[in-house]
Amino acid sequence: TEDNGTAGRDLKALAKEAENTSLSLESVTDGKSERGIPQVKFIDDIGKFAESFNPPASAELLIGAYSDLFSKFKAYEQSLSQKRL
């Protein structure tokens, strides 16, 4: 198992990487629908996509970006469900 010291250093390294990258929400979306909901960008080659950022994005950073986007989709879904009731 990982100790808290190692996990803390990993989170700090990831936070530093996030501050120093050109990766943003717009990097993983392809515009918005007519309702303003972001459309996910389909990625054929994840390695090439990661290398397109300066500096190249790590797998953890890309997963985090898509996790954030997924959270936004879940919020949209919940909002739409509440409006239908």
N, C-alpha and C. Protein backbone atom coordinates (compact mmCIF):
# COMPACT_ATOMS: atom_id res chain seq x y z
N THR A 1 0.83 -1.20 0.00
CA THR A 1 0.00 0.00 0.00
C THR A 1 0.87 1.25 0.00
N GLU A 2 0.30 2.33 -0.53
CA GLU A 2 1.01 3.61 -0.56
C GLU A 2 0.86 4.33 0.77
N ASP A 3 1.93 4.95 1.22
CA ASP A 3 1.78 5.76 2.43
C ASP A 3 1.34 7.16 2.04
N ASN A 4 0.88 7.92 3.00
CA ASN A 4 0.36 9.26 2.72
C ASN A 4 1.43 10.19 2.17
N GLY A 5 2.68 9.99 2.55
CA GLY A 5 3.76 10.84 2.04
C GLY A 5 3.93 10.70 0.55
N THR A 6 3.92 9.47 0.06
CA THR A 6 4.07 9.23 -1.38
C THR A 6 2.86 9.76 -2.14
N ALA A 7 1.67 9.49 -1.62
CA ALA A 7 0.46 9.97 -2.29
C ALA A 7 0.44 11.49 -2.33
N GLY A 8 0.86 12.13 -1.24
CA GLY A 8 0.90 13.59 -1.19
C GLY A 8 1.86 14.17 -2.20
N ARG A 9 3.03 13.54 -2.36
CA ARG A 9 4.00 14.00 -3.35
C ARG A 9 3.45 13.82 -4.76
N ASP A 10 2.76 12.71 -5.01
CA ASP A 10 2.17 12.47 -6.32
C ASP A 10 1.12 13.52 -6.65
N LEU A 11 0.29 13.87 -5.68
CA LEU A 11 -0.72 14.90 -5.90
C LEU A 11 -0.09 16.26 -6.15
N LYS A 12 0.98 16.56 -5.43
CA LYS A 12 1.68 17.82 -5.64
C LYS A 12 2.29 17.86 -7.03
N ALA A 13 2.87 16.76 -7.47
CA ALA A 13 3.47 16.70 -8.81
C ALA A 13 2.39 16.86 -9.88
N LEU A 14 1.24 16.23 -9.68
CA LEU A 14 0.15 16.35 -10.64
C LEU A 14 -0.39 17.78 -10.67
N ALA A 15 -0.51 18.40 -9.50
CA ALA A 15 -0.99 19.79 -9.44
C ALA A 15 -0.02 20.71 -10.16
N LYS A 16 1.28 20.48 -9.98
CA LYS A 16 2.29 21.30 -10.66
C LYS A 16 2.21 21.10 -12.17
N GLU A 17 2.03 19.85 -12.59
CA GLU A 17 1.90 19.56 -14.02
C GLU A 17 0.68 20.27 -14.59
N ALA A 18 -0.43 20.25 -13.86
CA ALA A 18 -1.65 20.90 -14.32
C ALA A 18 -1.47 22.40 -14.48
N GLU A 19 -0.70 23.00 -13.59
CA GLU A 19 -0.44 24.45 -13.68
C GLU A 19 0.42 24.81 -14.88
N ASN A 20 1.27 23.89 -15.32
CA ASN A 20 2.25 24.19 -16.36
C ASN A 20 1.93 23.61 -17.72
N THR A 21 0.69 23.19 -17.93
CA THR A 21 0.34 22.60 -19.21
C THR A 21 -0.64 23.49 -19.98
N SER A 22 -0.72 23.26 -21.26
CA SER A 22 -1.68 23.98 -22.08
C SER A 22 -3.01 23.23 -22.17
N LEU A 23 -3.14 22.10 -21.48
CA LEU A 23 -4.37 21.32 -21.46
C LEU A 23 -5.47 22.10 -20.75
N SER A 24 -6.65 22.16 -21.36
CA SER A 24 -7.80 22.85 -20.77
C SER A 24 -9.07 22.10 -21.16
N LEU A 25 -10.19 22.53 -20.61
CA LEU A 25 -11.47 21.90 -20.95
C LEU A 25 -11.72 21.99 -22.45
N GLU A 26 -11.33 23.09 -23.06
CA GLU A 26 -11.52 23.26 -24.50
C GLU A 26 -10.67 22.25 -25.30
N SER A 27 -9.60 21.74 -24.69
CA SER A 27 -8.74 20.77 -25.37
C SER A 27 -9.42 19.43 -25.54
N VAL A 28 -10.36 19.10 -24.65
CA VAL A 28 -11.01 17.79 -24.70
C VAL A 28 -12.45 17.87 -25.21
N THR A 29 -12.87 19.07 -25.62
CA THR A 29 -14.21 19.23 -26.19
C THR A 29 -14.12 19.72 -27.62
N ASP A 30 -15.22 19.55 -28.32
CA ASP A 30 -15.28 19.94 -29.72
C ASP A 30 -16.51 20.84 -29.93
N GLY A 31 -16.46 22.00 -29.29
CA GLY A 31 -17.58 22.93 -29.40
C GLY A 31 -18.68 22.57 -28.42
N LYS A 32 -19.84 23.20 -28.63
CA LYS A 32 -21.00 22.98 -27.76
C LYS A 32 -22.23 22.73 -28.60
N SER A 33 -23.18 22.03 -28.01
CA SER A 33 -24.47 21.81 -28.68
C SER A 33 -25.27 23.10 -28.65
N GLU A 34 -26.43 23.08 -29.31
CA GLU A 34 -27.28 24.26 -29.32
C GLU A 34 -27.78 24.62 -27.92
N ARG A 35 -27.74 23.68 -26.99
CA ARG A 35 -28.13 23.93 -25.60
C ARG A 35 -26.95 24.38 -24.74
N GLY A 36 -25.77 24.49 -25.34
CA GLY A 36 -24.60 24.93 -24.60
C GLY A 36 -23.86 23.82 -23.88
N ILE A 37 -24.19 22.57 -24.21
CA ILE A 37 -23.54 21.43 -23.57
C ILE A 37 -22.29 21.07 -24.37
N PRO A 38 -21.13 20.95 -23.71
CA PRO A 38 -19.90 20.61 -24.43
C PRO A 38 -20.01 19.26 -25.14
N GLN A 39 -19.44 19.19 -26.34
CA GLN A 39 -19.39 17.93 -27.08
C GLN A 39 -17.99 17.37 -26.94
N VAL A 40 -17.91 16.09 -26.59
CA VAL A 40 -16.62 15.45 -26.35
C VAL A 40 -15.89 15.25 -27.67
N LYS A 41 -14.60 15.54 -27.64
CA LYS A 41 -13.73 15.33 -28.80
C LYS A 41 -13.33 13.86 -28.84
N PHE A 42 -13.52 13.21 -29.99
CA PHE A 42 -13.08 11.82 -30.15
C PHE A 42 -11.59 11.83 -30.44
N ILE A 43 -10.86 10.99 -29.74
CA ILE A 43 -9.40 10.94 -29.90
C ILE A 43 -9.01 9.58 -30.45
N ASP A 44 -8.42 9.57 -31.64
CA ASP A 44 -7.97 8.33 -32.27
C ASP A 44 -6.67 7.81 -31.65
N ASP A 45 -5.74 8.69 -31.41
CA ASP A 45 -4.40 8.30 -30.94
C ASP A 45 -4.09 9.07 -29.67
N ILE A 46 -4.25 8.43 -28.52
CA ILE A 46 -4.08 9.11 -27.25
C ILE A 46 -2.64 9.59 -27.05
N GLY A 47 -1.66 8.83 -27.54
CA GLY A 47 -0.26 9.24 -27.44
C GLY A 47 0.00 10.52 -28.20
N LYS A 48 -0.50 10.58 -29.41
CA LYS A 48 -0.34 11.79 -30.24
C LYS A 48 -1.07 12.97 -29.61
N PHE A 49 -2.26 12.72 -29.05
CA PHE A 49 -3.02 13.78 -28.39
C PHE A 49 -2.24 14.30 -27.18
N ALA A 50 -1.70 13.41 -26.37
CA ALA A 50 -0.93 13.82 -25.17
C ALA A 50 0.29 14.64 -25.58
N GLU A 51 0.94 14.27 -26.66
CA GLU A 51 2.14 14.97 -27.13
C GLU A 51 1.81 16.34 -27.73
N SER A 52 0.53 16.60 -28.03
CA SER A 52 0.16 17.87 -28.65
C SER A 52 0.18 19.03 -27.66
N PHE A 53 0.35 18.74 -26.38
CA PHE A 53 0.39 19.78 -25.35
C PHE A 53 1.82 20.12 -25.00
N ASN A 54 1.99 21.33 -24.46
CA ASN A 54 3.32 21.78 -24.09
C ASN A 54 3.35 22.11 -22.61
N PRO A 55 4.03 21.34 -21.80
CA PRO A 55 4.69 20.06 -22.09
C PRO A 55 3.65 18.96 -22.31
N PRO A 56 4.06 17.82 -22.86
CA PRO A 56 3.12 16.73 -23.11
C PRO A 56 2.36 16.36 -21.84
N ALA A 57 1.09 16.06 -21.98
CA ALA A 57 0.23 15.73 -20.84
C ALA A 57 0.42 14.28 -20.43
N SER A 58 0.43 14.05 -19.13
CA SER A 58 0.53 12.68 -18.62
C SER A 58 -0.85 12.02 -18.69
N ALA A 59 -0.86 10.70 -18.58
CA ALA A 59 -2.13 9.97 -18.57
C ALA A 59 -3.01 10.43 -17.42
N GLU A 60 -2.41 10.67 -16.26
CA GLU A 60 -3.17 11.10 -15.09
C GLU A 60 -3.86 12.45 -15.33
N LEU A 61 -3.15 13.34 -15.99
CA LEU A 61 -3.72 14.66 -16.27
C LEU A 61 -4.87 14.55 -17.27
N LEU A 62 -4.71 13.72 -18.29
CA LEU A 62 -5.78 13.52 -19.27
C LEU A 62 -7.00 12.87 -18.62
N ILE A 63 -6.77 11.89 -17.78
CA ILE A 63 -7.87 11.23 -17.08
C ILE A 63 -8.60 12.25 -16.21
N GLY A 64 -7.86 13.11 -15.54
CA GLY A 64 -8.46 14.15 -14.71
C GLY A 64 -9.32 15.10 -15.54
N ALA A 65 -8.84 15.48 -16.70
CA ALA A 65 -9.60 16.40 -17.57
C ALA A 65 -10.91 15.75 -18.00
N TYR A 66 -10.85 14.48 -18.40
CA TYR A 66 -12.07 13.79 -18.81
C TYR A 66 -12.98 13.51 -17.63
N SER A 67 -12.42 13.30 -16.45
CA SER A 67 -13.24 13.11 -15.25
C SER A 67 -14.00 14.39 -14.92
N ASP A 68 -13.32 15.53 -15.06
CA ASP A 68 -13.99 16.82 -14.85
C ASP A 68 -15.12 17.01 -15.84
N LEU A 69 -14.88 16.67 -17.09
CA LEU A 69 -15.90 16.79 -18.11
C LEU A 69 -17.07 15.86 -17.82
N PHE A 70 -16.77 14.65 -17.37
CA PHE A 70 -17.82 13.69 -17.02
C PHE A 70 -18.69 14.25 -15.90
N SER A 71 -18.06 14.88 -14.92
CA SER A 71 -18.81 15.49 -13.81
C SER A 71 -19.75 16.57 -14.33
N LYS A 72 -19.28 17.35 -15.29
CA LYS A 72 -20.14 18.39 -15.87
C LYS A 72 -21.33 17.77 -16.60
N PHE A 73 -21.09 16.66 -17.32
CA PHE A 73 -22.19 15.98 -18.00
C PHE A 73 -23.21 15.44 -17.01
N LYS A 74 -22.74 14.90 -15.89
CA LYS A 74 -23.65 14.40 -14.87
C LYS A 74 -24.48 15.54 -14.29
N ALA A 75 -23.87 16.70 -14.11
CA ALA A 75 -24.61 17.87 -13.60
C ALA A 75 -25.67 18.31 -14.61
N TYR A 76 -25.32 18.31 -15.90
CA TYR A 76 -26.30 18.65 -16.95
C TYR A 76 -27.45 17.65 -16.92
N GLU A 77 -27.10 16.38 -16.81
CA GLU A 77 -28.11 15.32 -16.79
C GLU A 77 -29.06 15.51 -15.61
N GLN A 78 -28.52 15.78 -14.44
CA GLN A 78 -29.35 15.99 -13.26
C GLN A 78 -30.24 17.21 -13.42
N SER A 79 -29.69 18.28 -13.98
CA SER A 79 -30.46 19.50 -14.21
C SER A 79 -31.62 19.24 -15.17
N LEU A 80 -31.36 18.51 -16.25
CA LEU A 80 -32.40 18.20 -17.21
C LEU A 80 -33.47 17.30 -16.60
N SER A 81 -33.04 16.35 -15.78
CA SER A 81 -34.00 15.44 -15.12
C SER A 81 -34.92 16.24 -14.20
N GLN A 82 -34.38 17.20 -13.48
CA GLN A 82 -35.20 18.00 -12.57
C GLN A 82 -36.18 18.89 -13.32
N LYS A 83 -35.76 19.38 -14.50
CA LYS A 83 -36.66 20.22 -15.29
C LYS A 83 -37.83 19.41 -15.84
N ARG A 84 -37.63 18.12 -16.09
CA ARG A 84 -38.69 17.27 -16.65
C ARG A 84 -39.74 16.93 -15.61
N LEU A 85 -39.39 16.99 -14.34
CA LEU A 85 -40.35 16.66 -13.28
C LEU A 85 -41.27 17.77 -13.09
